[in-house]
Amino acid sequence: MAGKVGAALVVGGGIAGVQAALDLANSGIKVYLLERSPAIGGKMAQLDKTFPTNDCAMCIVSPKLVEAGRHLNIDIITNAELVSLEGEAGHFKAVIQRHPRYVDIQKCTGCNDCAEVCPVLLPNEFNEGLDQRKAIYRPYPQAVPNTYLVTKRGTSPCKHTCPAETSAQGYIALIQAGRYKEALDVVKEYNPFPASVGRVCNHPCEEKCNRGKFDASVAICSLKRFVADWVYEHRDELGKEVRSSESGVGSREDVERPKAKIAIIGAGPAGLSCAHQLSRMGYQVTIFEALPVAGGMMRVGIPSYRLPRDVLQREIDDIIRHPNLELKLNTPIRNINSLFEAGYSAIFLAMGAHEAQKLGIPGEDALGVHHGVPFLQGVSLAERFGITQGFEDRFIIAFGIPIAPKVGEKTIVIGGGNVAIDAARTALRLGAK
């Protein structure tokens, strides 16, 4: 082997590749053993017996795998593929793409503790789908390297479709395992309003659910509502664990962050969600809200028969109780520069969409004509402050919004969207026919 140049790349970690790597390494050549799967061994590691001797396959291959794993001249590169190869004999340049394992190889001891607590079961490819494995796994007990990994097949359709990118498959797996508190924690990493959204979301995730190809989609939205309500109903039993989760203790605010002041204009779902994340990161957050109530269109746009006010308020309270967060109601902002002058490093604009879409026809501003969004806002604020319908005028003005709009016995609603349906059902509750 005189005149050896560089190192050798062996592509394929089956029994042939392993033996070739050992022969080269024992000759003093540095070897890189490249395998596409998470462990070396190839098809022989999957066999029970070998032909024609009928010997135990693992008994034959296992010593060679261990020897390759321990050999100082062999670097094993698993979960990777050869992308390109250029050059000539003795001077090749190889480009290798290594896929993530989502597990730190240097820290993994192969103890199996992670797989023990993992709630997700998947078909076991190593056993040709005859049994199941956990989402975090090693291909087989004698695998080399003896480290676990998570194989991700991209983003699930439900998560990709969700506007909040909530990991539905994650919290549903935890619900299936009866780990409700942990399931809620997964939801609230993305969405601090699980109980509210679980009641009013139009759940586009369910339209894309792969289960629908076989029978029916998983009831993702209902499961979100269930787990949020269950944890709230059992808050006394769960005790400190729930309170810590609600305030963010033990999560993101433990990370060292600059204590910058952040201003958020608007206490609707966007503003409160932003405040929830930033306050847990350690930032000092102030929310400025023009209305006398927080919640934005969830509070003044969605009727209470669809989204009970106590459910929404408890989730708002979970957010604003954080020590890094301050909420200022009845505080409209008319000059952005004044906030910078007050020492705020950044400003998040979350005013929402409170304007009604008008028809642009004669008579739409006449007495007795209400636009859908202000109408719903007026009814919601009237409920909040105990104002009853029946004033001589069609409404009174408060907070810049018509409060307690008056409807007649005969009412017509123009439109067929969500606002129109909510307006029609609200008008019925106010005495219209």
Protein backbone atom coordinates (compact mmCIF):
# COMPACT_ATOMS: atom_id res chain seq x y z
CA MET A 1 0.00 0.00 0.00
CA ALA A 2 2.90 2.35 -0.73
CA GLY A 3 2.06 5.88 -1.82
CA LYS A 4 -1.31 6.06 -0.07
CA VAL A 5 -3.07 9.36 -0.83
CA GLY A 6 -5.63 10.99 1.47
CA ALA A 7 -8.53 8.92 2.74
CA ALA A 8 -11.15 6.53 1.40
CA LEU A 9 -14.90 7.06 1.22
CA VAL A 10 -17.03 3.92 1.46
CA VAL A 11 -20.60 4.56 0.33
CA GLY A 12 -23.05 2.14 1.93
CA GLY A 13 -23.01 0.78 5.46
CA GLY A 14 -24.27 -2.73 4.80
CA ILE A 15 -22.18 -5.82 5.52
CA ALA A 16 -20.13 -5.31 2.33
CA GLY A 17 -19.43 -1.67 3.11
CA VAL A 18 -18.54 -2.40 6.72
CA GLN A 19 -16.12 -5.18 5.72
CA ALA A 20 -14.51 -2.94 3.08
CA ALA A 21 -14.12 -0.15 5.63
CA LEU A 22 -12.48 -2.54 8.11
CA ASP A 23 -10.06 -3.89 5.49
CA LEU A 24 -9.01 -0.39 4.46
CA ALA A 25 -8.77 0.88 8.03
CA ASN A 26 -6.65 -2.09 9.09
CA SER A 27 -4.29 -1.21 6.23
CA GLY A 28 -3.73 2.22 7.76
CA ILE A 29 -6.06 4.21 5.52
CA LYS A 30 -8.44 6.76 6.99
CA VAL A 31 -11.99 5.69 6.09
CA TYR A 32 -15.26 7.61 5.97
CA LEU A 33 -18.16 5.16 6.03
CA LEU A 34 -21.26 6.82 4.59
CA GLU A 35 -24.72 5.36 5.22
CA ARG A 36 -28.10 6.81 4.23
CA SER A 37 -30.03 5.21 7.10
CA PRO A 38 -29.61 6.13 10.80
CA ALA A 39 -27.40 3.08 11.55
CA ILE A 40 -24.99 0.79 9.73
CA GLY A 41 -25.74 -2.90 9.18
CA GLY A 42 -27.94 -2.75 6.11
CA LYS A 43 -30.33 -5.55 5.21
CA MET A 44 -28.35 -8.19 7.06
CA ALA A 45 -29.19 -6.53 10.37
CA GLN A 46 -32.87 -7.05 9.56
CA LEU A 47 -32.54 -10.78 8.89
CA ASP A 48 -33.11 -13.56 11.39
CA LYS A 49 -31.02 -16.22 9.59
CA THR A 50 -28.50 -16.18 6.75
CA PHE A 51 -28.50 -18.39 3.64
CA PRO A 52 -27.27 -21.08 3.11
CA THR A 53 -25.80 -21.82 6.55
CA ASN A 54 -28.90 -20.77 8.50
CA ASP A 55 -26.66 -18.98 11.00
CA CYS A 56 -27.91 -16.11 13.17
CA ALA A 57 -27.53 -12.97 11.05
CA MET A 58 -27.01 -10.59 13.97
CA CYS A 59 -24.46 -12.93 15.56
CA ILE A 60 -22.35 -12.61 12.40
CA VAL A 61 -22.75 -8.91 11.66
CA SER A 62 -22.83 -7.45 15.19
CA PRO A 63 -19.10 -7.98 15.99
CA LYS A 64 -18.14 -6.27 12.74
CA LEU A 65 -20.45 -3.33 13.48
CA VAL A 66 -18.92 -2.90 16.92
CA GLU A 67 -15.40 -3.13 15.49
CA ALA A 68 -16.19 -0.49 12.86
CA GLY A 69 -17.73 1.77 15.49
CA ARG A 70 -14.63 1.56 17.69
CA HIS A 71 -11.96 1.66 14.97
CA LEU A 72 -9.84 4.81 15.21
CA ASN A 73 -9.40 4.95 11.42
CA ILE A 74 -13.14 4.85 10.66
CA ASP A 75 -15.49 7.81 10.85
CA ILE A 76 -19.10 6.66 10.53
CA ILE A 77 -21.43 9.18 8.89
CA THR A 78 -25.05 8.03 9.14
CA ASN A 79 -28.32 9.65 8.12
CA ALA A 80 -26.47 11.26 5.21
CA GLU A 81 -26.22 11.02 1.42
CA LEU A 82 -23.59 11.62 -1.23
CA VAL A 83 -24.66 14.66 -3.24
CA SER A 84 -21.78 14.95 -5.71
CA LEU A 85 -18.35 13.51 -6.45
CA GLU A 86 -15.69 15.31 -8.51
CA GLY A 87 -12.02 14.84 -9.32
CA GLU A 88 -9.86 11.85 -10.15
CA ALA A 89 -8.45 8.80 -8.40
CA GLY A 90 -6.59 9.94 -5.31
CA HIS A 91 -8.03 13.44 -5.48
CA PHE A 92 -11.80 13.17 -5.23
CA LYS A 93 -13.94 15.88 -3.70
CA ALA A 94 -17.17 14.58 -2.17
CA VAL A 95 -20.14 16.69 -1.08
CA ILE A 96 -22.26 15.02 1.59
CA GLN A 97 -25.68 16.12 2.80
CA ARG A 98 -26.29 15.18 6.40
CA HIS A 99 -29.89 15.06 7.59
CA PRO A 100 -30.65 16.27 11.13
CA ARG A 101 -31.20 13.73 13.90
CA TYR A 102 -32.72 16.29 16.31
CA VAL A 103 -30.66 14.59 19.04
CA ASP A 104 -27.21 15.66 20.24
CA ILE A 105 -24.98 12.68 19.38
CA GLN A 106 -22.35 13.78 21.89
CA LYS A 107 -24.84 13.76 24.77
CA CYS A 108 -27.05 10.78 23.89
CA THR A 109 -26.18 7.72 25.99
CA GLY A 110 -28.68 5.34 24.37
CA CYS A 111 -30.50 4.94 27.69
CA ASN A 112 -33.98 4.79 26.05
CA ASP A 113 -35.49 7.24 28.58
CA CYS A 114 -36.69 9.56 25.80
CA ALA A 115 -38.50 6.75 23.98
CA GLU A 116 -40.11 5.61 27.23
CA VAL A 117 -41.95 8.92 27.67
CA CYS A 118 -42.61 9.67 23.98
CA PRO A 119 -46.38 9.39 23.32
CA VAL A 120 -46.19 9.10 19.52
CA LEU A 121 -46.32 5.67 17.86
CA LEU A 122 -45.35 5.15 14.21
CA PRO A 123 -44.94 2.11 11.94
CA ASN A 124 -41.54 0.48 12.45
CA GLU A 125 -39.72 0.57 9.10
CA PHE A 126 -36.93 -1.71 10.38
CA ASN A 127 -39.48 -4.49 10.93
CA GLU A 128 -41.27 -3.68 7.66
CA GLY A 129 -44.24 -2.15 9.48
CA LEU A 130 -45.09 -5.32 11.43
CA ASP A 131 -44.93 -3.44 14.73
CA GLN A 132 -44.62 0.13 15.95
CA ARG A 133 -41.84 2.37 17.21
CA LYS A 134 -41.76 5.69 19.03
CA ALA A 135 -41.24 8.98 17.20
CA ILE A 136 -37.81 9.18 18.85
CA TYR A 137 -36.03 5.88 18.28
CA ARG A 138 -32.98 3.87 17.26
CA PRO A 139 -33.46 1.41 14.40
CA TYR A 140 -32.65 -1.71 16.48
CA PRO A 141 -31.16 -2.47 19.93
CA GLN A 142 -27.61 -3.19 18.66
CA ALA A 143 -27.55 -0.19 16.31
CA VAL A 144 -24.24 1.52 15.55
CA PRO A 145 -24.08 4.37 16.35
CA ASN A 146 -26.13 3.72 19.48
CA THR A 147 -27.88 7.09 19.43
CA TYR A 148 -31.53 8.02 19.05
CA LEU A 149 -33.06 10.26 16.42
CA VAL A 150 -36.31 11.80 15.27
CA THR A 151 -37.21 11.39 11.60
CA LYS A 152 -39.29 14.30 10.40
CA ARG A 153 -41.15 14.14 7.12
CA GLY A 154 -41.57 17.89 6.71
CA THR A 155 -44.40 19.91 8.22
CA SER A 156 -47.71 18.13 8.81
CA PRO A 157 -50.67 19.43 6.74
CA CYS A 158 -52.56 20.48 9.87
CA LYS A 159 -49.66 22.55 11.20
CA HIS A 160 -48.92 24.03 7.78
CA THR A 161 -52.56 25.15 7.39
CA CYS A 162 -52.95 26.53 10.93
CA PRO A 163 -52.49 30.34 10.97
CA ALA A 164 -50.68 29.97 14.32
CA GLU A 165 -48.67 26.94 13.10
CA THR A 166 -49.76 24.97 16.16
CA SER A 167 -48.34 21.44 16.38
CA ALA A 168 -51.69 19.67 16.38
CA GLN A 169 -50.16 16.23 15.99
CA GLY A 170 -48.05 16.92 19.09
CA TYR A 171 -50.79 17.89 21.51
CA ILE A 172 -53.21 15.27 20.16
CA ALA A 173 -50.63 12.55 20.84
CA LEU A 174 -50.27 13.84 24.41
CA ILE A 175 -54.06 13.91 24.84
CA GLN A 176 -54.19 10.31 23.62
CA ALA A 177 -51.65 9.41 26.30
CA GLY A 178 -53.72 11.19 28.98
CA ARG A 179 -51.04 13.87 29.51
CA TYR A 180 -53.47 16.79 29.33
CA LYS A 181 -51.38 19.41 31.08
CA GLU A 182 -48.43 18.79 28.75
CA ALA A 183 -50.79 18.89 25.76
CA LEU A 184 -52.03 22.33 26.79
CA ASP A 185 -48.44 23.53 27.16
CA VAL A 186 -47.79 22.53 23.53
CA VAL A 187 -50.85 24.50 22.36
CA LYS A 188 -49.91 27.60 24.37
CA GLU A 189 -46.41 27.67 22.91
CA TYR A 190 -48.11 28.87 19.73
CA ASN A 191 -51.52 30.13 20.80
CA PRO A 192 -52.36 31.59 24.23
CA PHE A 193 -56.13 31.33 23.58
CA PRO A 194 -56.81 27.57 23.29
CA ALA A 195 -60.21 27.64 25.00
CA SER A 196 -61.42 30.63 22.98
CA VAL A 197 -60.04 29.48 19.64
CA GLY A 198 -61.37 26.00 20.37
CA ARG A 199 -64.87 27.52 20.33
CA VAL A 200 -64.77 29.89 17.36
CA CYS A 201 -62.01 28.74 14.98
CA ASN A 202 -63.14 27.61 11.53
CA HIS A 203 -60.42 24.92 11.82
CA PRO A 204 -58.86 24.83 8.34
CA CYS A 205 -56.49 22.23 9.80
CA GLU A 206 -59.27 19.65 9.76
CA GLU A 207 -59.86 20.19 6.05
CA LYS A 208 -56.24 19.15 5.36
CA CYS A 209 -56.11 16.31 7.90
CA ASN A 210 -54.77 13.14 6.26
CA ARG A 211 -57.16 11.04 8.33
CA GLY A 212 -59.98 12.42 6.21
CA LYS A 213 -58.71 10.34 3.28
CA PHE A 214 -59.71 7.16 5.16
CA ASP A 215 -62.83 8.06 7.16
CA ALA A 216 -63.12 11.45 8.87
CA SER A 217 -60.69 14.15 9.94
CA VAL A 218 -59.50 14.25 13.53
CA ALA A 219 -61.57 16.71 15.60
CA ILE A 220 -58.54 18.94 16.17
CA CYS A 221 -60.44 22.06 17.24
CA SER A 222 -62.69 20.21 19.68
CA LEU A 223 -59.70 18.47 21.24
CA LYS A 224 -58.02 21.84 21.75
CA ARG A 225 -61.14 23.12 23.53
CA PHE A 226 -61.41 19.94 25.59
CA VAL A 227 -57.86 20.03 26.91
CA ALA A 228 -58.05 23.75 27.75
CA ASP A 229 -61.32 23.29 29.65
CA TRP A 230 -60.09 20.13 31.39
CA VAL A 231 -56.94 21.76 32.73
CA TYR A 232 -58.95 24.76 33.94
CA GLU A 233 -61.53 22.55 35.67
CA HIS A 234 -58.74 20.58 37.39
CA ARG A 235 -56.58 23.59 38.22
CA ASP A 236 -56.89 22.99 41.96
CA GLU A 237 -55.62 19.43 41.62
CA LEU A 238 -52.78 20.48 39.32
CA GLY A 239 -52.02 23.45 41.56
CA LYS A 240 -48.67 25.16 41.14
CA GLU A 241 -47.94 23.40 37.85
CA VAL A 242 -50.84 25.21 36.13
CA ARG A 243 -50.03 28.59 37.65
CA SER A 244 -46.40 28.32 36.59
CA SER A 245 -47.41 27.48 33.04
CA GLU A 246 -49.86 30.37 32.86
CA SER A 247 -47.28 32.89 34.00
CA GLY A 248 -44.50 31.41 31.90
CA VAL A 249 -42.38 30.53 34.93
CA GLY A 250 -39.76 27.92 34.12
CA SER A 251 -39.88 28.54 30.40
CA ARG A 252 -38.72 31.34 28.16
CA GLU A 253 -38.17 34.10 30.69
CA ASP A 254 -35.38 32.08 32.26
CA VAL A 255 -33.30 32.86 29.16
CA GLU A 256 -31.06 35.89 29.52
CA ARG A 257 -32.54 38.64 27.38
CA PRO A 258 -32.10 42.41 27.23
CA LYS A 259 -34.78 44.04 29.37
CA ALA A 260 -35.90 46.39 26.60
CA LYS A 261 -39.25 48.18 26.78
CA ILE A 262 -41.71 47.16 24.07
CA ALA A 263 -44.98 48.96 23.31
CA ILE A 264 -47.93 47.12 21.79
CA ILE A 265 -50.83 49.12 20.38
CA GLY A 266 -53.99 47.06 20.58
CA ALA A 267 -55.09 44.40 23.05
CA GLY A 268 -56.71 42.07 20.56
CA PRO A 269 -55.58 38.53 19.75
CA ALA A 270 -52.46 39.69 17.88
CA GLY A 271 -51.41 42.20 20.53
CA LEU A 272 -52.02 39.87 23.46
CA SER A 273 -50.26 36.96 21.71
CA CYS A 274 -47.24 39.16 21.02
CA ALA A 275 -47.25 40.36 24.64
CA HIS A 276 -47.50 36.77 25.85
CA GLN A 277 -44.38 35.73 23.96
CA LEU A 278 -42.30 38.85 24.63
CA SER A 279 -43.04 38.99 28.36
CA ARG A 280 -41.97 35.36 28.75
CA MET A 281 -38.72 36.23 26.98
CA GLY A 282 -37.96 38.85 29.61
CA TYR A 283 -38.96 42.03 27.79
CA GLN A 284 -40.88 44.77 29.59
CA VAL A 285 -44.15 45.03 27.67
CA THR A 286 -46.88 47.67 27.80
CA ILE A 287 -50.16 47.21 25.90
CA PHE A 288 -52.15 50.31 24.98
CA GLU A 289 -55.84 49.70 24.24
CA ALA A 290 -58.32 52.38 23.16
CA LEU A 291 -61.39 50.44 24.33
CA PRO A 292 -62.38 49.89 27.97
CA VAL A 293 -61.97 46.12 27.54
CA ALA A 294 -59.20 43.87 26.28
CA GLY A 295 -59.69 41.15 23.69
CA GLY A 296 -60.24 43.13 20.51
CA MET A 297 -62.67 41.58 18.05
CA MET A 298 -62.77 38.42 20.14
CA ARG A 299 -64.39 40.54 22.85
CA VAL A 300 -66.46 43.08 20.94
CA GLY A 301 -66.90 41.35 17.58
CA ILE A 302 -67.77 37.74 18.39
CA PRO A 303 -71.10 37.45 20.25
CA SER A 304 -71.07 36.06 23.77
CA TYR A 305 -73.29 33.09 22.84
CA ARG A 306 -70.43 31.87 20.62
CA LEU A 307 -67.54 32.87 22.85
CA PRO A 308 -68.52 33.15 26.54
CA ARG A 309 -66.97 36.23 28.11
CA ASP A 310 -65.74 34.38 31.19
CA VAL A 311 -63.79 31.91 29.02
CA LEU A 312 -62.09 34.71 27.09
CA GLN A 313 -61.43 36.78 30.20
CA ARG A 314 -59.68 33.97 32.05
CA GLU A 315 -57.30 33.51 29.13
CA ILE A 316 -56.64 37.25 28.99
CA ASP A 317 -55.98 37.21 32.75
CA ASP A 318 -53.49 34.35 32.28
CA ILE A 319 -51.51 36.62 29.95
CA ILE A 320 -51.65 39.96 31.72
CA ARG A 321 -50.79 38.59 35.17
CA HIS A 322 -47.18 38.19 34.03
CA PRO A 323 -44.93 40.56 36.04
CA ASN A 324 -43.28 41.87 32.85
CA LEU A 325 -46.56 43.00 31.35
CA GLU A 326 -48.75 46.08 31.86
CA LEU A 327 -52.15 46.69 30.23
CA LYS A 328 -53.51 50.23 29.83
CA LEU A 329 -57.17 50.41 28.80
CA ASN A 330 -58.94 53.56 27.52
CA THR A 331 -55.57 54.71 26.17
CA PRO A 332 -55.65 55.50 22.44
CA ILE A 333 -52.27 56.32 20.88
CA ARG A 334 -52.27 59.29 18.54
CA ASN A 335 -48.51 59.78 18.06
CA ILE A 336 -46.09 56.89 17.53
CA ASN A 337 -43.06 59.09 18.12
CA SER A 338 -44.24 59.83 21.64
CA LEU A 339 -43.72 56.17 22.51
CA PHE A 340 -40.14 56.20 21.26
CA GLU A 341 -39.56 59.39 23.24
CA ALA A 342 -40.93 57.59 26.31
CA GLY A 343 -38.13 55.03 26.04
CA TYR A 344 -39.76 52.17 24.13
CA SER A 345 -37.28 50.36 21.90
CA ALA A 346 -39.85 48.82 19.56
CA ILE A 347 -43.56 49.15 18.81
CA PHE A 348 -45.90 46.40 17.62
CA LEU A 349 -49.01 47.64 15.81
CA ALA A 350 -52.01 45.39 16.46
CA MET A 351 -55.02 47.65 15.96
CA GLY A 352 -57.08 44.98 14.25
CA ALA A 353 -59.80 45.37 11.60
CA HIS A 354 -62.68 47.14 13.32
CA GLU A 355 -64.07 48.92 10.27
CA ALA A 356 -67.20 47.72 8.53
CA GLN A 357 -67.31 47.06 4.81
CA LYS A 358 -69.86 49.44 3.34
CA LEU A 359 -72.00 48.96 0.24
CA GLY A 360 -71.51 52.48 -1.09
CA ILE A 361 -75.20 52.95 -1.95
CA PRO A 362 -77.61 55.79 -1.12
CA GLY A 363 -79.37 55.51 2.22
CA GLU A 364 -76.94 53.21 4.02
CA ASP A 365 -76.33 55.89 6.67
CA ALA A 366 -80.04 56.49 7.27
CA LEU A 367 -81.70 56.15 10.66
CA GLY A 368 -82.28 52.49 11.49
CA VAL A 369 -79.45 51.19 9.28
CA HIS A 370 -76.54 49.56 11.13
CA HIS A 371 -73.32 48.22 9.70
CA GLY A 372 -72.46 44.74 10.91
CA VAL A 373 -69.18 45.26 12.76
CA PRO A 374 -70.20 48.40 14.74
CA PHE A 375 -73.54 46.74 15.49
CA LEU A 376 -71.85 43.71 17.07
CA GLN A 377 -69.38 45.93 18.91
CA GLY A 378 -72.20 48.05 20.29
CA VAL A 379 -74.13 45.06 21.58
CA SER A 380 -71.03 43.54 23.19
CA LEU A 381 -70.05 46.76 24.98
CA ALA A 382 -73.66 47.28 26.08
CA GLU A 383 -73.58 43.81 27.67
CA ARG A 384 -70.27 44.60 29.35
CA PHE A 385 -71.51 47.79 31.01
CA GLY A 386 -75.09 46.73 31.64
CA ILE A 387 -76.64 49.12 29.13
CA THR A 388 -80.02 47.90 27.92
CA GLN A 389 -81.53 48.44 24.52
CA GLY A 390 -84.46 50.79 24.05
CA PHE A 391 -83.14 54.34 23.93
CA GLU A 392 -85.18 56.89 22.00
CA ASP A 393 -82.26 57.34 19.58
CA ARG A 394 -81.01 54.38 17.63
CA PHE A 395 -77.86 54.28 19.80
CA ILE A 396 -75.70 56.27 22.15
CA ILE A 397 -72.06 57.02 21.44
CA ALA A 398 -69.42 55.83 23.89
CA PHE A 399 -65.76 55.02 23.35
CA GLY A 400 -66.24 56.13 19.73
CA ILE A 401 -68.66 53.23 19.08
CA PRO A 402 -72.48 53.14 18.87
CA ILE A 403 -73.58 51.44 22.10
CA ALA A 404 -76.82 49.47 22.53
CA PRO A 405 -78.07 49.78 18.93
CA LYS A 406 -81.84 49.61 18.66
CA VAL A 407 -83.45 47.16 16.25
CA GLY A 408 -87.03 46.98 15.16
CA GLU A 409 -89.35 44.01 15.21
CA LYS A 410 -88.83 43.52 11.48
CA THR A 411 -85.15 43.39 10.58
CA ILE A 412 -83.35 42.54 7.36
CA VAL A 413 -79.70 41.55 7.16
CA ILE A 414 -77.79 42.08 3.91
CA GLY A 415 -74.92 39.64 3.50
CA GLY A 416 -74.21 36.00 4.21
CA GLY A 417 -70.77 35.88 5.82
CA ASN A 418 -69.75 35.36 9.43
CA VAL A 419 -70.55 38.95 10.41
CA ALA A 420 -73.97 38.79 8.77
CA ILE A 421 -74.89 35.52 10.49
CA ASP A 422 -73.69 36.82 13.87
CA ALA A 423 -75.65 40.05 13.32
CA ALA A 424 -78.81 38.14 12.41
CA ARG A 425 -78.61 35.84 15.44
CA THR A 426 -77.83 38.80 17.70
CA ALA A 427 -80.79 40.75 16.32
CA LEU A 428 -83.06 37.80 17.14
CA ARG A 429 -81.84 37.94 20.73
CA LEU A 430 -82.70 41.65 20.80
CA GLY A 431 -86.31 40.97 19.79
CA ALA A 432 -86.21 41.14 16.00
CA LYS A 433 -88.05 38.69 13.80
